[in-house]
Amino acid sequence: MIKVGLLTGREWSFPPAFIAEVAKRDAGVEVEYVKLGGTSMDEPIPYAVIFDRISHEVPYYRTYLKHAALQGCTVVNNPFMWSADDKLFDASLATMLCV
């Protein structure tokens, strides 16, 4: 089962329609809303793919998406297009590179 995360704000048109369409296809893909609280560097990302619809408004979400991408998650709407540096991503990258 492939797990897909949907990171959204208050919109109510696309997210439910997307989730319903994926479920209808019965293709071994599960979609759920991404739930975020605090994020640890060693916390595994539970999604193979995350569709981002809100990180342009919430910097923490963009940072989380960079962290997810570093762990191998495919992120739709590239979080690296916004900024070149933030502390969680920098620390995650340094740890991964054994720096």
Protein backbone atom coordinates (compact mmCIF):
# COMPACT_ATOMS: atom_id res chain seq x y z
CA MET A 1 0.00 0.00 0.00
CA ILE A 2 1.42 3.37 -1.04
CA LYS A 3 0.68 6.12 1.46
CA VAL A 4 0.09 9.64 0.13
CA GLY A 5 -0.15 12.72 2.32
CA LEU A 6 -2.21 15.76 1.47
CA LEU A 7 -1.01 18.99 3.11
CA THR A 8 -3.78 21.58 2.82
CA GLY A 9 -5.23 24.64 4.45
CA ARG A 10 -8.92 25.43 4.75
CA GLU A 11 -9.86 24.61 1.17
CA TRP A 12 -12.72 22.17 0.77
CA SER A 13 -13.06 21.57 -2.96
CA PHE A 14 -9.92 19.80 -4.14
CA PRO A 15 -8.92 17.71 -1.08
CA PRO A 16 -12.12 15.65 -0.62
CA ALA A 17 -12.49 15.20 -4.38
CA PHE A 18 -8.89 14.01 -4.67
CA ILE A 19 -9.23 11.58 -1.77
CA ALA A 20 -12.50 10.19 -3.17
CA GLU A 21 -11.05 9.76 -6.66
CA VAL A 22 -7.97 7.89 -5.40
CA ALA A 23 -10.12 5.63 -3.19
CA LYS A 24 -12.49 4.91 -6.08
CA ARG A 25 -9.65 3.63 -8.26
CA ASP A 26 -8.68 0.93 -5.72
CA ALA A 27 -5.06 0.94 -6.91
CA GLY A 28 -3.27 0.22 -3.64
CA VAL A 29 -2.91 3.89 -2.74
CA GLU A 30 -4.07 5.38 0.55
CA VAL A 31 -4.48 9.16 0.90
CA GLU A 32 -4.75 11.01 4.18
CA TYR A 33 -4.30 14.54 5.46
CA VAL A 34 -0.82 15.23 6.81
CA LYS A 35 -0.95 15.95 10.54
CA LEU A 36 1.94 17.94 11.94
CA GLY A 37 2.96 18.89 15.44
CA GLY A 38 6.61 19.06 16.38
CA THR A 39 9.11 17.41 14.07
CA SER A 40 12.22 15.52 15.17
CA MET A 41 15.14 14.98 12.83
CA ASP A 42 15.01 11.22 13.41
CA GLU A 43 11.25 10.97 12.90
CA PRO A 44 10.50 8.85 9.81
CA ILE A 45 8.20 10.33 7.19
CA PRO A 46 5.24 7.95 6.77
CA TYR A 47 4.42 9.02 3.20
CA ALA A 48 5.83 8.02 -0.19
CA VAL A 49 4.36 11.21 -1.70
CA ILE A 50 3.09 14.47 -0.22
CA PHE A 51 0.92 16.86 -2.23
CA ASP A 52 1.54 20.36 -0.89
CA ARG A 53 -1.25 22.93 -1.18
CA ILE A 54 -0.37 25.28 1.71
CA SER A 55 3.37 25.61 2.44
CA HIS A 56 3.52 28.90 0.55
CA GLU A 57 1.59 30.35 3.54
CA VAL A 58 3.21 28.45 6.44
CA PRO A 59 7.04 28.40 6.62
CA TYR A 60 7.10 25.45 9.06
CA TYR A 61 5.26 23.31 6.50
CA ARG A 62 7.84 24.19 3.86
CA THR A 63 10.61 23.19 6.27
CA TYR A 64 8.87 19.88 7.01
CA LEU A 65 8.53 19.19 3.27
CA LYS A 66 12.26 19.74 2.74
CA HIS A 67 12.93 17.31 5.58
CA ALA A 68 10.53 14.81 3.98
CA ALA A 69 12.22 15.17 0.58
CA LEU A 70 15.60 14.56 2.19
CA GLN A 71 14.24 11.27 3.57
CA GLY A 72 13.14 10.13 0.10
CA CYS A 73 9.55 11.34 0.03
CA THR A 74 8.41 12.79 -3.30
CA VAL A 75 6.96 16.26 -2.70
CA VAL A 76 4.64 17.73 -5.30
CA ASN A 77 5.22 21.51 -5.31
CA ASN A 78 8.93 21.74 -4.74
CA PRO A 79 9.68 23.19 -1.28
CA PHE A 80 13.23 24.08 -2.35
CA MET A 81 11.98 26.78 -4.70
CA TRP A 82 11.24 29.13 -1.79
CA SER A 83 14.41 29.45 0.22
CA ALA A 84 17.90 28.09 0.33
CA ASP A 85 18.27 27.68 4.07
CA ASP A 86 16.46 26.81 7.25
CA LYS A 87 17.64 25.16 10.42
CA LEU A 88 15.81 21.80 10.31
CA PHE A 89 16.77 21.09 6.70
CA ASP A 90 20.36 22.23 7.21
CA ALA A 91 20.74 20.04 10.31
CA SER A 92 19.06 17.07 8.59
CA LEU A 93 21.33 17.38 5.57
CA ALA A 94 24.45 17.73 7.71
CA THR A 95 23.47 14.65 9.73
CA MET A 96 22.78 12.62 6.58
CA LEU A 97 26.16 13.64 5.14
CA CYS A 98 27.91 12.83 8.46
CA VAL A 99 29.17 16.39 8.77
